[in-house]
Each structure stands twice: as structure tokens, then as C-alpha cells.
């Protein structure tokens, strides 16, 4: 026997899970599919492990002060805000003013980035002494659809209360439910899994909008820069955490019913290789066949829970391939192992080969050639660094054969193999593999 072939069986899917006693139970978990319990227990185990290591290196205030800059940089990176975008002119514009009793409401918008408009209402006391500076509250809203007026109007009673009690309160519309609507639920129900590869999260946009909201408040002569607070409820409670952690100008943070710890999220809802003859094995990756779990869109709990744990489902599938390749390499006394994959499975096979030197070569059939493709696997932040052709090129000088009609997209791969002195190891075939 000269070689062993490992064929990858995989496709992009979404999932759900089971509760455990450590968190709030949200209802009956999904157990309709044979892999439900397995994936739920896996996510619970990983969550408990991460939770158990929380602040394991922090035993004193001094430890925290030393590590805090590193944690903050990592935090901004997770939000897609590292390096922090350069602040541009806010171009704040008041479009109308209402007066009622002892308070005034200014309807306004500003641009947190050029042409990224944030609509808001500013509530302030009607009578402010000349030169007086008042404490200010940045109020970030929860998910309460109010149509063209924006969800800020659902919380206008809160802004009024603050104004009547001597505060200036800026109430922001959210990304999805404001006067200028965008998309927040990209991975919850819209299938925009490429967000993970781009390193994008709408939480980062909400955070940036809040930081720029504080910039606007501090630009006002009636605001005391030493007395800035952030608050909000539900989704606004979550945004309160994000903004206050990012902006030290916020002296007080009052998140209401917005977030909990990792244990409250993941565990709460919270094939092996098959032999085909003596040389070819079929690797059914997690979520396929006997390990499949319940598909439910929205809310795609399993996929989104993986991201909370610092990985994606496809990251786990790459591990599956690597483990299978290592097993076969040892089983057959170091005979070369090749991996084969079609479509998305081909990209997974390529990533496995990139990280596992025991994989001697890769054979792909019609793989997606960008992580922006809907059918492509997704890995956190990968598009900040490279795309599929770059990964394929990094396999040089190992053997790489690709079937398909995308020679234009493979030109970069060919150039990398040529630069590595391995042109003959890269083979393109325009016909589809049988």
C-alpha cells in the first residue's frame, strides 16, 4: 500500500442545544436528532472549562492593572474595533425641537463614521442656568420596533424622566430598529455566517455609535464631562456593557437586564472514520450523519454558541479531519495520508492540511474560493488575514489537485506554488472529478 485516502463528508448546517442546572432554563431542549445531546454536552463542557479559568492569572489589584491593557486590546479586537477607527467629524445636526412643560427634546443625527448615521433624541431640562453643566446619560435602547420613528421612541418616558430630574439624556436608535434600519440579526436568522470570517459583529458598530454619542455629549457646553453615565435595558443593557468597557469617560454604568456570564448562555439551551476498503476512508464530520443535531433558524444556537467560545463549528470540523489523518497515519505505519473533499468539505480539508504536516496532499472538487461565498466554511477573523486562495498556496510544496472551472481565482495559488519552487505539485483540472 502506497497511500491512504481520507474523503471528507461535510456540509454547512445550523444547530440547537440543552439546558443544565447551572443556568436559567428556557424550555425543552431539542433531542430530535442523534447528535443533539452530543453537541450540547460538548458545548457545556467547553464552557465550564473556560469559565473555570476565568481570571486565573489575577490574584490582586496589581495583577489586574498589569493585564488590563492586554485584555482591553483583545476586547476591541473581538468587537472588530482594533485598531480603533480614526474619529471623523460627527456633523451633528438637530432636525427639530419639541417643548413640553419643563423639558425640551431635540431630534438629531450624527455620523459615527462618514455616512454611518446615528439617529437620536436629546432630552434636556427646559431651564438651565447660564454656564451650568449638568450630568449626562447616554441611553442605549433595547429591541422594541417602532417603525419609522425608531425604537428610541419606545423609551421616551425614560429620557423625559432624566430631563425632569436635572440630567441631559441622549437616547440612541439601534442598528436594526432605528430610523435608518440595518441588520443586527445576521447570524441569528439571516445566514450571514461570513460575518465571523470578516471579524464583524454588529456589537462593534453599536459600541462605536455609543462612543461617538459620548463625543457628542462632551461637545455640548451644558454637559459636565466628569459626570457621564451609560444605561439601557435588554439589548440596551448589553450595549451598556460594551460601551462602558470601551470608553473610560463613562463614570457610571447601569446595564439593565442585558447580559450574563458565559455559563448563562451556552449550556443553558445547552463518523468517526468509516472504512471503505483497505485504502479509502470516509470522514463524517461533526453535525453530519450520526452526530447531526437539530436545525433551527432562528436562532442557530449551536453555531452562535461556538462563537461565544472563541471558535466556529467549522473549526471543530478541521480538528476532526486532523484527528482522523493522524489516526490513519499511525495505523498504517506512516504511509502517506491524502485528504479529499468536495465543495465546502474541500476547504475544510485544505485547512486541516495547513495545520497537520502528516497530511501529504489535498484533492479538491469545486471548492468555494472565498470565505465570502455562502457555502464556504467560516473561521473567526480569517478574512482579516487571508482568503481561500492564500490558504491553498500555503500548502506548497505538498501535492494539491483542484477540479473545477475557476482558473481565474486559482492564478494566485499557481503563483505561490511557483514562488515556492513547487509548480509541478499544483495541478488544475477543469473537468469535475467523478
Protein backbone atom coordinates (compact mmCIF):
# COMPACT_ATOMS: atom_id res chain seq x y z
CA UNK A 1 0.00 0.00 0.00
CA UNK A 2 1.49 3.34 -1.09
CA UNK A 3 -1.03 5.76 0.42
CA UNK A 4 -4.26 6.20 2.36
CA UNK A 5 -7.09 8.48 1.23
CA UNK A 6 -9.43 10.23 3.65
CA UNK A 7 -12.61 11.53 2.00
CA UNK A 8 -14.34 14.34 3.90
CA UNK A 9 -18.12 14.34 4.24
CA UNK A 10 -19.42 17.69 5.43
CA UNK A 11 -21.91 20.44 4.68
CA UNK A 12 -22.83 23.73 6.29
CA UNK A 13 -25.61 23.40 8.84
CA UNK A 14 -27.01 25.08 11.95
CA UNK A 15 -28.00 23.81 15.35
CA UNK A 16 -29.60 23.91 18.86
CA UNK A 17 -28.95 22.59 22.43
CA UNK A 18 -29.85 21.68 26.05
CA UNK A 19 -30.09 23.37 29.47
CA UNK A 20 -28.15 22.36 32.56
CA UNK A 21 -28.86 23.13 36.19
CA UNK A 22 -26.26 25.91 36.44
CA UNK A 23 -28.26 28.36 34.33
CA UNK A 24 -31.73 29.61 33.70
CA UNK A 25 -33.84 27.03 31.84
CA UNK A 26 -35.50 28.41 28.72
CA UNK A 27 -37.59 25.40 27.78
CA UNK A 28 -37.40 21.89 26.49
CA UNK A 29 -34.16 21.26 24.57
CA UNK A 30 -34.05 19.68 21.14
CA UNK A 31 -33.45 15.93 21.18
CA UNK A 32 -34.95 15.05 17.79
CA UNK A 33 -31.64 14.26 16.12
CA UNK A 34 -29.00 11.73 17.21
CA UNK A 35 -26.28 14.36 17.60
CA UNK A 36 -28.25 16.84 19.73
CA UNK A 37 -27.16 15.56 23.12
CA UNK A 38 -23.56 15.08 21.98
CA UNK A 39 -23.09 18.65 20.71
CA UNK A 40 -24.90 20.12 23.71
CA UNK A 41 -22.68 18.26 26.16
CA UNK A 42 -19.58 19.26 24.22
CA UNK A 43 -20.51 22.96 24.32
CA UNK A 44 -21.35 22.71 28.01
CA UNK A 45 -18.00 21.06 28.75
CA UNK A 46 -16.01 23.71 26.88
CA UNK A 47 -18.00 26.49 28.55
CA UNK A 48 -17.36 25.08 32.01
CA UNK A 49 -13.65 24.79 31.23
CA UNK A 50 -13.41 28.40 30.06
CA UNK A 51 -15.50 29.62 32.99
CA UNK A 52 -13.29 27.75 35.44
CA UNK A 53 -10.20 29.53 34.12
CA UNK A 54 -11.74 33.00 34.34
CA UNK A 55 -9.22 35.44 35.80
CA UNK A 56 -6.95 32.57 36.80
CA UNK A 57 -3.94 34.88 36.45
CA UNK A 58 -5.47 37.66 38.53
CA UNK A 59 -4.97 37.40 42.27
CA UNK A 60 -4.54 41.07 43.16
CA UNK A 61 -5.29 44.59 42.00
CA UNK A 62 -1.73 44.82 40.75
CA UNK A 63 -2.21 41.72 38.59
CA UNK A 64 -5.35 43.24 37.11
CA UNK A 65 -3.70 46.57 36.34
CA UNK A 66 -0.85 44.78 34.60
CA UNK A 67 -3.11 42.61 32.44
CA UNK A 68 -5.86 45.14 31.80
CA UNK A 69 -4.27 46.78 28.71
CA UNK A 70 -3.87 43.37 27.08
CA UNK A 71 -7.46 42.38 27.89
CA UNK A 72 -8.75 45.68 26.55
CA UNK A 73 -6.90 45.28 23.28
CA UNK A 74 -8.33 41.77 22.93
CA UNK A 75 -11.77 43.17 23.70
CA UNK A 76 -11.53 45.78 20.94
CA UNK A 77 -10.25 43.11 18.56
CA UNK A 78 -13.29 40.91 19.30
CA UNK A 79 -15.56 43.86 18.53
CA UNK A 80 -13.79 44.50 15.23
CA UNK A 81 -12.55 47.84 16.57
CA UNK A 82 -8.80 47.16 16.73
CA UNK A 83 -7.11 49.25 15.70
CA UNK A 84 -9.76 51.76 16.72
CA UNK A 85 -11.13 53.61 13.67
CA UNK A 86 -9.97 57.20 13.43
CA UNK A 87 -12.56 59.62 14.72
CA UNK A 88 -14.06 61.72 11.94
CA UNK A 89 -16.29 64.83 12.18
CA UNK A 90 -19.63 63.99 13.79
CA UNK A 91 -21.56 66.52 11.69
CA UNK A 92 -24.22 66.53 14.39
CA UNK A 93 -27.44 68.07 13.12
CA UNK A 94 -30.59 68.99 15.04
CA UNK A 95 -33.55 68.46 12.73
CA UNK A 96 -36.31 69.60 15.06
CA UNK A 97 -37.10 70.64 18.63
CA UNK A 98 -40.13 69.95 20.83
CA UNK A 99 -41.03 71.65 24.10
CA UNK A 100 -43.33 70.20 26.72
CA UNK A 101 -43.66 71.56 30.22
CA UNK A 102 -40.30 71.55 31.95
CA UNK A 103 -38.23 69.68 29.35
CA UNK A 104 -37.10 70.01 25.74
CA UNK A 105 -36.50 67.30 23.13
CA UNK A 106 -34.01 67.82 20.28
CA UNK A 107 -34.34 65.41 17.36
CA UNK A 108 -30.90 64.92 15.84
CA UNK A 109 -28.48 62.72 13.96
CA UNK A 110 -24.71 62.40 13.82
CA UNK A 111 -22.23 60.31 11.81
CA UNK A 112 -20.13 57.94 13.88
CA UNK A 113 -18.23 57.21 10.66
CA UNK A 114 -18.69 59.01 7.35
CA UNK A 115 -22.25 58.25 6.20
CA UNK A 116 -22.89 55.94 9.15
CA UNK A 117 -25.81 57.90 10.56
CA UNK A 118 -27.00 57.54 14.12
CA UNK A 119 -30.45 58.94 14.86
CA UNK A 120 -31.22 60.08 18.39
CA UNK A 121 -33.36 62.24 20.67
CA UNK A 122 -31.77 64.52 23.24
CA UNK A 123 -33.84 65.23 26.37
CA UNK A 124 -32.82 68.23 28.50
CA UNK A 125 -34.29 70.44 31.23
CA UNK A 126 -36.08 73.48 29.89
CA UNK A 127 -34.40 75.86 32.29
CA UNK A 128 -30.62 75.62 32.66
CA UNK A 129 -28.69 78.41 34.35
CA UNK A 130 -26.10 80.15 32.19
CA UNK A 131 -22.77 78.34 32.43
CA UNK A 132 -24.26 75.40 34.31
CA UNK A 133 -23.04 71.96 33.32
CA UNK A 134 -25.32 69.01 34.01
CA UNK A 135 -24.65 65.29 34.37
CA UNK A 136 -25.41 63.43 31.16
CA UNK A 137 -26.76 59.97 30.40
CA UNK A 138 -26.18 58.02 27.20
CA UNK A 139 -29.26 55.80 26.87
CA UNK A 140 -28.97 52.81 24.51
CA UNK A 141 -32.19 51.11 23.53
CA UNK A 142 -33.44 47.54 23.58
CA UNK A 143 -35.25 45.67 20.83
CA UNK A 144 -38.61 47.43 20.61
CA UNK A 145 -39.73 48.02 17.00
CA UNK A 146 -41.42 51.38 16.47
CA UNK A 147 -41.30 51.70 12.70
CA UNK A 148 -40.14 54.91 11.03
CA UNK A 149 -39.76 56.78 14.34
CA UNK A 150 -37.12 54.36 15.56
CA UNK A 151 -37.04 52.29 18.72
CA UNK A 152 -35.76 55.25 20.71
CA UNK A 153 -39.38 56.40 20.97
CA UNK A 154 -40.24 53.23 22.93
CA UNK A 155 -38.08 54.58 25.75
CA UNK A 156 -39.01 58.27 25.59
CA UNK A 157 -40.52 58.15 29.09
CA UNK A 158 -37.05 57.36 30.43
CA UNK A 159 -35.50 60.32 28.63
CA UNK A 160 -38.27 62.56 29.94
CA UNK A 161 -37.68 61.33 33.48
CA UNK A 162 -33.98 62.14 33.29
CA UNK A 163 -34.63 65.63 31.88
CA UNK A 164 -37.18 66.39 34.60
CA UNK A 165 -34.65 65.36 37.25
CA UNK A 166 -31.82 67.56 36.05
CA UNK A 167 -30.00 65.32 33.57
CA UNK A 168 -29.25 65.62 29.89
CA UNK A 169 -30.13 62.31 28.21
CA UNK A 170 -29.18 61.23 24.71
CA UNK A 171 -31.32 58.27 23.57
CA UNK A 172 -29.84 56.41 20.57
CA UNK A 173 -31.59 54.31 17.97
CA UNK A 174 -30.18 50.82 17.49
CA UNK A 175 -28.59 49.49 14.35
CA UNK A 176 -31.56 47.40 13.19
CA UNK A 177 -34.57 49.18 14.65
CA UNK A 178 -33.69 52.85 14.13
CA UNK A 179 -34.99 55.37 11.64
CA UNK A 180 -32.27 54.18 9.25
CA UNK A 181 -32.54 50.41 9.54
CA UNK A 182 -29.65 47.99 9.04
CA UNK A 183 -29.20 44.33 10.05
CA UNK A 184 -28.42 43.11 13.55
CA UNK A 185 -29.67 39.51 13.35
CA UNK A 186 -27.23 38.42 10.65
CA UNK A 187 -26.28 35.12 12.31
CA UNK A 188 -29.48 34.77 14.32
CA UNK A 189 -31.66 34.21 11.25
CA UNK A 190 -30.16 35.73 8.09
CA UNK A 191 -27.42 33.16 7.43
CA UNK A 192 -24.64 35.75 7.28
CA UNK A 193 -22.01 33.42 8.66
CA UNK A 194 -19.32 35.21 6.68
CA UNK A 195 -19.56 37.93 9.35
CA UNK A 196 -17.41 35.69 11.54
CA UNK A 197 -14.73 35.37 8.87
CA UNK A 198 -14.75 39.13 8.33
CA UNK A 199 -14.30 39.66 12.06
CA UNK A 200 -17.52 41.66 12.02
CA UNK A 201 -20.12 41.94 14.73
CA UNK A 202 -22.94 44.50 14.97
CA UNK A 203 -21.99 44.78 18.64
CA UNK A 204 -18.89 46.63 17.45
CA UNK A 205 -20.99 49.12 15.50
CA UNK A 206 -23.32 49.68 18.46
CA UNK A 207 -20.29 50.22 20.68
CA UNK A 208 -18.71 52.69 18.26
CA UNK A 209 -22.01 54.55 17.91
CA UNK A 210 -22.15 54.83 21.70
CA UNK A 211 -18.56 56.11 21.96
CA UNK A 212 -19.35 58.76 19.36
CA UNK A 213 -22.54 59.57 21.28
CA UNK A 214 -20.37 60.39 24.28
CA UNK A 215 -18.24 62.54 21.96
CA UNK A 216 -21.38 64.47 21.05
CA UNK A 217 -22.42 64.93 24.67
CA UNK A 218 -18.97 66.25 25.57
CA UNK A 219 -19.14 68.72 22.71
CA UNK A 220 -22.08 70.43 24.40
CA UNK A 221 -21.48 73.37 26.73
CA UNK A 222 -24.26 72.23 29.07
CA UNK A 223 -22.70 68.81 29.82
CA UNK A 224 -20.32 68.10 32.70
CA UNK A 225 -17.53 65.91 31.20
CA UNK A 226 -16.80 64.38 34.61
CA UNK A 227 -20.34 63.09 35.07
CA UNK A 228 -21.18 60.79 32.17
CA UNK A 229 -23.26 57.64 32.60
CA UNK A 230 -24.42 54.87 30.27
CA UNK A 231 -27.59 52.84 30.73
CA UNK A 232 -30.14 50.81 28.80
CA UNK A 233 -32.42 47.80 29.06
CA UNK A 234 -32.41 44.41 27.30
CA UNK A 235 -30.30 44.84 24.16
CA UNK A 236 -29.50 48.28 25.53
CA UNK A 237 -28.28 46.61 28.70
CA UNK A 238 -25.85 44.56 26.64
CA UNK A 239 -24.73 47.67 24.74
CA UNK A 240 -24.19 49.43 28.09
CA UNK A 241 -21.58 46.79 28.98
CA UNK A 242 -19.85 47.15 25.61
CA UNK A 243 -19.71 50.96 25.62
CA UNK A 244 -18.71 51.44 29.25
CA UNK A 245 -15.95 48.84 28.95
CA UNK A 246 -14.62 50.58 25.84
CA UNK A 247 -14.86 54.21 26.95
CA UNK A 248 -13.39 55.28 30.29
CA UNK A 249 -15.14 58.63 30.07
CA UNK A 250 -18.26 56.80 31.26
CA UNK A 251 -18.02 57.13 35.03
CA UNK A 252 -21.19 55.17 35.78
CA UNK A 253 -22.60 52.10 34.04
CA UNK A 254 -26.11 50.81 34.75
CA UNK A 255 -26.94 47.84 32.48
CA UNK A 256 -30.48 46.59 32.97
CA UNK A 257 -31.45 43.01 32.04
CA UNK A 258 -28.94 42.81 29.25
CA UNK A 259 -26.17 40.26 29.73
CA UNK A 260 -24.97 37.50 31.99
CA UNK A 261 -21.87 35.32 32.05
CA UNK A 262 -20.87 32.61 29.59
CA UNK A 263 -22.44 29.87 31.69
CA UNK A 264 -25.83 31.58 31.34
CA UNK A 265 -25.70 31.46 27.56
CA UNK A 266 -24.13 28.32 26.15
CA UNK A 267 -25.05 25.43 28.49
CA UNK A 268 -28.44 26.94 29.17
CA UNK A 269 -30.05 25.73 25.93
CA UNK A 270 -27.41 23.87 26.37
CA UNK A 271 -18.21 9.49 11.91
CA UNK A 272 -15.95 8.68 13.26
CA UNK A 273 -13.99 7.43 10.16
CA UNK A 274 -15.83 4.76 8.17
CA UNK A 275 -13.69 2.29 6.31
CA UNK A 276 -14.38 1.84 2.59
CA UNK A 277 -11.98 -0.92 1.68
CA UNK A 278 -8.41 -1.03 2.83
CA UNK A 279 -7.29 2.36 1.47
CA UNK A 280 -10.20 4.81 1.39
CA UNK A 281 -12.00 6.12 4.48
CA UNK A 282 -15.00 8.40 4.75
CA UNK A 283 -14.71 11.05 7.46
CA UNK A 284 -18.19 12.21 8.52
CA UNK A 285 -17.55 15.44 10.36
CA UNK A 286 -19.43 16.68 13.42
CA UNK A 287 -23.00 17.62 12.65
CA UNK A 288 -23.22 15.04 9.86
CA UNK A 289 -24.87 11.62 9.96
CA UNK A 290 -24.79 10.06 13.42
CA UNK A 291 -23.69 13.34 15.03
CA UNK A 292 -26.22 15.64 13.33
CA UNK A 293 -28.13 17.98 15.59
CA UNK A 294 -31.40 19.85 15.28
CA UNK A 295 -31.57 22.58 12.64
CA UNK A 296 -33.42 25.68 13.78
CA UNK A 297 -33.16 29.08 12.09
CA UNK A 298 -33.61 31.30 14.00
CA UNK A 299 -31.91 31.21 16.49
CA UNK A 300 -28.99 28.97 15.37
CA UNK A 301 -27.94 28.37 18.97
CA UNK A 302 -25.18 25.86 18.34
CA UNK A 303 -23.33 27.90 15.72
CA UNK A 304 -23.63 31.13 17.69
CA UNK A 305 -22.61 29.43 20.94
CA UNK A 306 -19.40 28.21 19.33
CA UNK A 307 -18.52 31.84 18.55
CA UNK A 308 -19.03 32.79 22.20
CA UNK A 309 -16.43 30.12 22.98
CA UNK A 310 -13.89 31.62 20.56
CA UNK A 311 -14.34 29.19 17.66
CA UNK A 312 -16.78 28.17 14.94
CA UNK A 313 -18.38 24.84 14.12
CA UNK A 314 -16.06 24.64 11.12
CA UNK A 315 -13.04 25.00 13.40
CA UNK A 316 -14.17 21.80 15.12
CA UNK A 317 -14.58 20.09 11.75
CA UNK A 318 -10.98 20.90 10.86
CA UNK A 319 -9.96 19.27 14.14
CA UNK A 320 -11.99 16.20 13.14
CA UNK A 321 -10.05 15.85 9.89
CA UNK A 322 -6.70 16.32 11.60
CA UNK A 323 -7.53 13.70 14.22
CA UNK A 324 -8.63 11.23 11.56
CA UNK A 325 -5.49 11.84 9.47
CA UNK A 326 -3.23 11.30 12.49
CA UNK A 327 -5.05 8.10 13.35
CA UNK A 328 -4.66 6.72 9.82
CA UNK A 329 -1.04 7.80 9.63
CA UNK A 330 -0.27 5.79 12.74
CA UNK A 331 -2.49 2.85 11.80
CA UNK A 332 -0.70 2.25 8.50
CA UNK A 333 2.86 2.69 9.76
CA UNK A 334 3.48 6.17 8.45
CA UNK A 335 2.10 5.59 4.93
CA UNK A 336 1.23 9.00 3.35
CA UNK A 337 -2.31 10.22 4.02
CA UNK A 338 -4.15 12.35 1.45
CA UNK A 339 -7.41 14.20 2.08
CA UNK A 340 -10.17 14.65 -0.47
CA UNK A 341 -13.16 16.98 -0.26
CA UNK A 342 -15.92 18.41 -2.43
CA UNK A 343 -17.32 21.91 -2.07
CA UNK A 344 -17.08 23.26 1.47
CA UNK A 345 -15.54 19.98 2.64
CA UNK A 346 -12.62 20.66 0.31
CA UNK A 347 -11.82 23.94 2.04
CA UNK A 348 -12.00 22.19 5.41
CA UNK A 349 -9.58 19.57 4.11
CA UNK A 350 -7.18 22.29 2.97
CA UNK A 351 -7.19 23.96 6.38
CA UNK A 352 -6.59 20.60 8.04
CA UNK A 353 -3.58 20.01 5.78
CA UNK A 354 -2.28 23.51 6.55
CA UNK A 355 -2.12 22.70 10.27
CA UNK A 356 -1.27 18.98 10.06
CA UNK A 357 2.10 18.10 8.49
CA UNK A 358 1.20 14.39 8.41
CA UNK A 359 -1.25 15.11 5.56
CA UNK A 360 0.79 14.52 2.41
CA UNK A 361 -1.55 16.13 -0.12
CA UNK A 362 -5.01 17.50 -0.90
CA UNK A 363 -7.50 16.78 -3.68
CA UNK A 364 -10.42 19.20 -4.04
CA UNK A 365 -13.50 19.16 -6.23
CA UNK A 366 -15.20 22.50 -6.95
CA UNK A 367 -14.30 24.19 -3.66
CA UNK A 368 -15.63 27.69 -2.88
CA UNK A 369 -12.72 30.05 -3.37
CA UNK A 370 -13.66 32.79 -0.95
CA UNK A 371 -14.98 32.85 2.61
CA UNK A 372 -17.50 35.39 1.34
CA UNK A 373 -19.23 32.58 -0.57
CA UNK A 374 -22.39 31.42 1.17
CA UNK A 375 -21.36 27.76 1.06
CA UNK A 376 -17.83 28.36 2.34
CA UNK A 377 -16.70 27.32 5.84
CA UNK A 378 -16.27 30.17 8.30
CA UNK A 379 -13.47 30.83 10.78
CA UNK A 380 -13.25 33.76 13.17
CA UNK A 381 -11.49 36.79 11.66
CA UNK A 382 -9.86 34.81 8.84
CA UNK A 383 -10.67 37.44 6.22
CA UNK A 384 -8.71 39.97 8.20
CA UNK A 385 -5.63 37.94 7.26
CA UNK A 386 -6.23 35.85 4.14
CA UNK A 387 -8.77 34.12 1.92
CA UNK A 388 -9.07 30.62 0.48
CA UNK A 389 -6.54 31.03 -2.39
CA UNK A 390 -3.91 32.17 0.12
CA UNK A 391 -4.51 29.09 2.26
CA UNK A 392 -4.27 26.81 -0.76
CA UNK A 393 -1.00 28.46 -1.74
CA UNK A 394 0.41 27.92 1.74
CA UNK A 395 0.11 24.15 1.19
CA UNK A 396 3.15 24.32 -1.12
CA UNK A 397 5.21 22.25 -1.72
CA UNK A 398 2.72 19.47 -0.88
CA UNK A 399 0.62 17.99 -3.67
CA UNK A 400 -2.57 19.92 -4.46
CA UNK A 401 -5.09 18.95 -7.14
CA UNK A 402 -8.18 21.06 -7.80
CA UNK A 403 -11.07 20.16 -10.09
CA UNK A 404 -13.31 22.97 -11.32
CA UNK A 405 -13.63 25.89 -13.74
CA UNK A 406 -12.29 28.75 -11.62
CA UNK A 407 -8.85 29.19 -13.15
CA UNK A 408 -9.12 32.96 -12.67
CA UNK A 409 -9.39 32.53 -8.90
CA UNK A 410 -6.58 29.95 -8.83
CA UNK A 411 -3.97 32.13 -10.52
CA UNK A 412 -2.76 33.32 -7.13
CA UNK A 413 -2.36 29.72 -5.96
CA UNK A 414 -0.28 28.92 -9.01
CA UNK A 415 1.97 31.94 -8.40
CA UNK A 416 2.58 30.94 -4.78
CA UNK A 417 3.45 27.36 -5.78
CA UNK A 418 5.79 28.72 -8.45
CA UNK A 419 7.49 31.01 -5.94
CA UNK A 420 7.95 28.01 -3.65
CA UNK A 421 9.61 26.06 -6.47
CA UNK A 422 6.77 23.54 -6.47
CA UNK A 423 4.87 24.31 -9.68
CA UNK A 424 4.63 20.64 -10.60
CA UNK A 425 2.91 19.87 -7.28
CA UNK A 426 -0.10 22.04 -8.15
CA UNK A 427 -2.48 20.52 -10.69
CA UNK A 428 -5.66 22.18 -12.06
CA UNK A 429 -8.27 20.16 -13.90
CA UNK A 430 -11.23 21.90 -15.48
CA UNK A 431 -13.44 18.78 -15.55
CA UNK A 432 -15.36 17.72 -12.46
CA UNK A 433 -13.98 14.79 -10.51
CA UNK A 434 -16.02 11.60 -10.55
